[in-house]
Protein backbone atom coordinates (compact mmCIF):
# COMPACT_ATOMS: atom_id res chain seq x y z
CA MET A 1 -49.63 -27.42 -11.85
CA ALA A 2 -49.48 -25.37 -15.04
CA SER A 3 -51.98 -22.90 -13.62
CA ILE A 4 -49.57 -22.20 -10.75
CA LEU A 5 -46.45 -21.81 -12.89
CA VAL A 6 -47.88 -19.65 -15.71
CA PRO A 7 -48.47 -16.50 -13.59
CA ARG A 8 -45.01 -16.79 -12.09
CA LEU A 9 -43.42 -17.20 -15.51
CA ASN A 10 -45.32 -14.14 -16.76
CA PHE A 11 -44.03 -12.18 -13.76
CA LEU A 12 -40.47 -13.27 -14.52
CA ARG A 13 -40.98 -12.35 -18.17
CA LYS A 14 -42.01 -8.83 -17.14
CA ILE A 15 -38.89 -8.44 -14.97
CA ALA A 16 -36.68 -9.68 -17.79
CA CYS A 17 -38.28 -7.24 -20.23
CA ARG A 18 -37.72 -4.35 -17.83
CA GLN A 19 -34.04 -5.18 -17.48
CA THR A 20 -33.66 -5.54 -21.23
CA GLY A 21 -35.35 -2.17 -21.66
CA ALA A 22 -32.87 -0.57 -19.26
CA LEU A 23 -29.97 -2.11 -21.14
CA THR A 24 -31.40 -0.88 -24.43
CA GLU A 25 -31.71 2.65 -23.03
CA THR A 26 -28.11 2.49 -21.84
CA PHE A 27 -26.88 1.39 -25.24
CA VAL A 28 -28.87 4.11 -27.00
CA ARG A 29 -27.68 6.79 -24.59
CA ASN A 30 -23.98 5.86 -24.84
CA TYR A 31 -23.59 6.09 -28.60
CA TRP A 32 -20.52 7.33 -30.46
CA ASN A 33 -21.02 10.96 -31.35
CA LYS A 34 -20.06 11.74 -34.94
CA ASP A 35 -18.82 15.16 -33.80
CA PHE A 36 -15.99 13.48 -31.85
CA GLN A 37 -14.42 12.13 -35.03
CA PRO A 38 -11.80 14.29 -36.72
CA GLY A 39 -12.78 15.79 -40.04
CA PRO A 40 -10.64 16.04 -43.17
CA TYR A 41 -7.36 17.96 -43.04
CA PRO A 42 -8.07 21.73 -43.31
CA LYS A 43 -6.62 23.25 -46.45
CA THR A 44 -8.02 26.79 -46.40
CA PRO A 45 -7.93 29.41 -43.62
CA GLU A 46 -11.73 29.17 -43.33
CA GLU A 47 -11.51 25.40 -42.74
CA ARG A 48 -8.77 25.96 -40.15
CA ALA A 49 -10.93 28.54 -38.32
CA ALA A 50 -13.93 26.16 -38.38
CA ALA A 51 -11.79 23.29 -37.03
CA ALA A 52 -10.38 25.53 -34.29
CA LYS A 53 -13.93 26.50 -33.28
CA LYS A 54 -14.97 22.82 -33.35
CA TYR A 55 -12.26 21.95 -30.80
CA GLY A 56 -12.74 25.10 -28.68
CA LEU A 57 -9.38 26.68 -29.58
CA LEU A 58 -8.42 30.11 -30.83
CA PRO A 59 -7.55 30.12 -34.55
CA GLU A 60 -4.02 31.35 -33.78
CA ASP A 61 -3.51 28.52 -31.25
CA TYR A 62 -4.85 25.82 -33.57
CA GLU A 63 -2.31 23.70 -35.40
CA PRO A 64 -3.38 20.38 -36.97
CA TYR A 65 -1.16 17.34 -37.27
CA PRO A 66 0.65 17.17 -40.62
CA ASP A 67 -1.27 15.38 -43.36
CA ASP A 68 1.10 12.42 -43.58
CA GLY A 69 -1.45 9.64 -43.98
CA TYR A 70 -1.82 8.58 -40.33
CA GLY A 71 -5.43 9.75 -40.30
CA TYR A 72 -5.45 12.48 -37.64
CA GLY A 73 -7.29 14.82 -40.02
CA ASP A 74 -8.19 18.17 -38.49
CA TYR A 75 -7.45 17.07 -34.92
CA PRO A 76 -5.34 19.70 -33.11
CA LYS A 77 -1.71 19.03 -32.31
CA LEU A 78 -1.72 19.60 -28.56
CA PRO A 79 1.41 20.03 -26.43
CA ASP A 80 2.77 16.90 -24.73
CA ILE A 81 1.67 17.42 -21.12
CA SER A 82 1.14 14.43 -18.88
CA ALA A 83 -1.78 14.35 -16.44
CA GLU A 84 0.69 13.90 -13.59
CA THR A 85 2.22 17.33 -14.17
CA ARG A 86 -1.14 19.15 -14.14
CA ASP A 87 -2.18 21.06 -11.03
CA PRO A 88 -3.76 18.60 -8.55
CA PHE A 89 -5.45 21.42 -6.58
CA TYR A 90 -7.29 22.97 -9.55
CA ASN A 91 -11.06 22.46 -9.55
CA TRP A 92 -11.24 20.12 -12.57
CA ASP A 93 -14.59 19.04 -14.02
CA SER A 94 -13.19 15.50 -14.16
CA PRO A 95 -10.59 15.36 -11.36
CA GLU A 96 -9.71 11.69 -11.88
CA TYR A 97 -8.38 12.56 -15.36
CA LYS A 98 -7.49 16.22 -14.58
CA ARG A 99 -9.62 17.44 -17.48
CA ASN A 100 -12.33 20.03 -17.99
CA TYR A 101 -15.52 19.49 -19.95
CA GLY A 102 -15.06 20.14 -23.66
CA GLU A 103 -11.27 20.15 -23.43
CA PRO A 104 -9.74 18.30 -26.39
CA ILE A 105 -7.91 15.11 -25.53
CA HIS A 106 -4.34 14.51 -26.69
CA VAL A 107 -3.96 11.92 -29.46
CA GLN A 108 -1.72 9.86 -27.14
CA ALA A 109 -3.99 10.36 -24.09
CA ASP A 110 -3.91 6.66 -23.32
CA MET A 111 -0.15 6.94 -22.82
CA TYR A 112 -0.08 10.19 -20.81
CA GLY A 113 -2.48 9.27 -17.97
CA GLU A 114 -1.52 9.60 -14.31
CA ASP A 115 -0.86 5.89 -14.01
CA ARG A 116 1.26 5.77 -17.15
CA TYR A 117 4.34 7.43 -18.65
CA ASN A 118 5.12 10.98 -17.52
CA ILE A 119 6.78 12.72 -20.44
CA ASN A 120 7.50 15.86 -18.40
CA ALA A 121 9.29 14.10 -15.53
CA LYS A 122 12.92 14.97 -14.93
CA PRO A 123 14.89 11.90 -13.80
CA PRO A 124 16.75 12.33 -10.48
CA ILE A 125 19.85 10.82 -12.10
CA SER A 126 20.79 11.84 -15.64
CA TYR A 127 20.62 9.23 -18.40
CA ASN A 128 24.39 9.42 -18.92
CA MET A 129 24.99 8.69 -15.23
CA GLN A 130 22.49 5.81 -15.37
CA ALA A 131 24.36 4.31 -18.34
CA LEU A 132 27.68 4.72 -16.51
CA ILE A 133 26.33 2.99 -13.37
CA PHE A 134 24.92 0.14 -15.46
CA ALA A 135 28.20 -0.35 -17.35
CA THR A 136 30.15 -0.27 -14.06
CA ILE A 137 27.98 -2.99 -12.51
CA ILE A 138 28.14 -5.24 -15.59
CA LEU A 139 31.91 -4.81 -16.03
CA SER A 140 32.47 -5.45 -12.31
CA ALA A 141 30.48 -8.69 -12.53
CA PHE A 142 32.50 -9.85 -15.54
CA GLY A 143 35.75 -8.84 -13.80
CA LEU A 144 34.87 -10.86 -10.69
CA PHE A 145 33.95 -13.81 -12.89
CA TYR A 146 37.30 -13.58 -14.72
CA LEU A 147 39.24 -13.39 -11.43
CA ALA A 148 37.32 -16.32 -9.97
CA GLU A 149 38.01 -18.45 -13.04
CA GLN A 150 41.75 -18.41 -12.27
CA PHE A 151 41.25 -20.35 -9.04
CA GLU A 152 40.10 -23.95 -8.86
CA ILE A 153 37.04 -24.21 -6.71
CA ASP A 154 36.32 -27.87 -6.18
CA ARG A 155 34.82 -30.26 -3.66
CA LYS A 156 37.35 -32.91 -2.78
CA VAL A 157 35.44 -36.21 -2.61
CA LEU A 158 36.31 -39.87 -2.85
CA PRO A 159 35.63 -41.64 -6.11
CA LYS A 160 32.24 -43.25 -6.46
CA ILE A 161 32.12 -46.92 -5.49
CA TYR A 162 30.51 -49.23 -8.01
CA PRO A 163 29.36 -52.76 -7.01
CA LYS A 164 31.68 -55.65 -7.99
CA GLU A 165 31.01 -59.35 -8.29
CA GLY A 166 31.56 -61.27 -5.05
CA GLU A 167 32.08 -58.19 -2.87
CA THR A 168 29.59 -57.26 -0.14
CA HIS A 169 29.17 -53.55 0.43
CA TYR A 170 26.28 -53.58 2.88
CA THR A 171 24.42 -56.20 4.88
CA PHE A 172 21.57 -56.16 7.31
CA GLN A 173 23.31 -58.60 9.66
CA PRO A 174 24.57 -57.32 13.03
CA ALA A 175 28.32 -56.75 13.23
CA ASN A 176 30.36 -59.44 15.04
CA ASN A 177 32.68 -57.95 17.60
């Protein structure tokens, strides 16, 4: 029996090793590149020019986030443009994100995706009008409640009958006519 199972187990072992090898290659290939991390905040014009070159920007267009302790380092302060407002007909390298290869990502990119908040959207109704409509609906509901409180709305019913000693309320005997 063992002579039959051993070759099959060796075959299964080889398959398992191949799959593990493929997973190992995937993990090695998808590593975090140290060049993607922001460097220290640039203090000299030479450091600013090097950081602008690192992110593929012109030195005059490069502006880092202020060094206020949040840890953005030399990462460029990009304009707030949502993916939804970008041209859908442009030939993007990554059309699902509307990005080109090597283009720096906004710090809040997880918030500005196409399926998320659109910072550039203009509401069809102004915020002041929205607040006025909301206040009108709430005040109307309270006004109707106040007016309805002045009237007694009641179901007129007989008082509940409680059983008393010696009194029969219900029997299963047929009625005598």
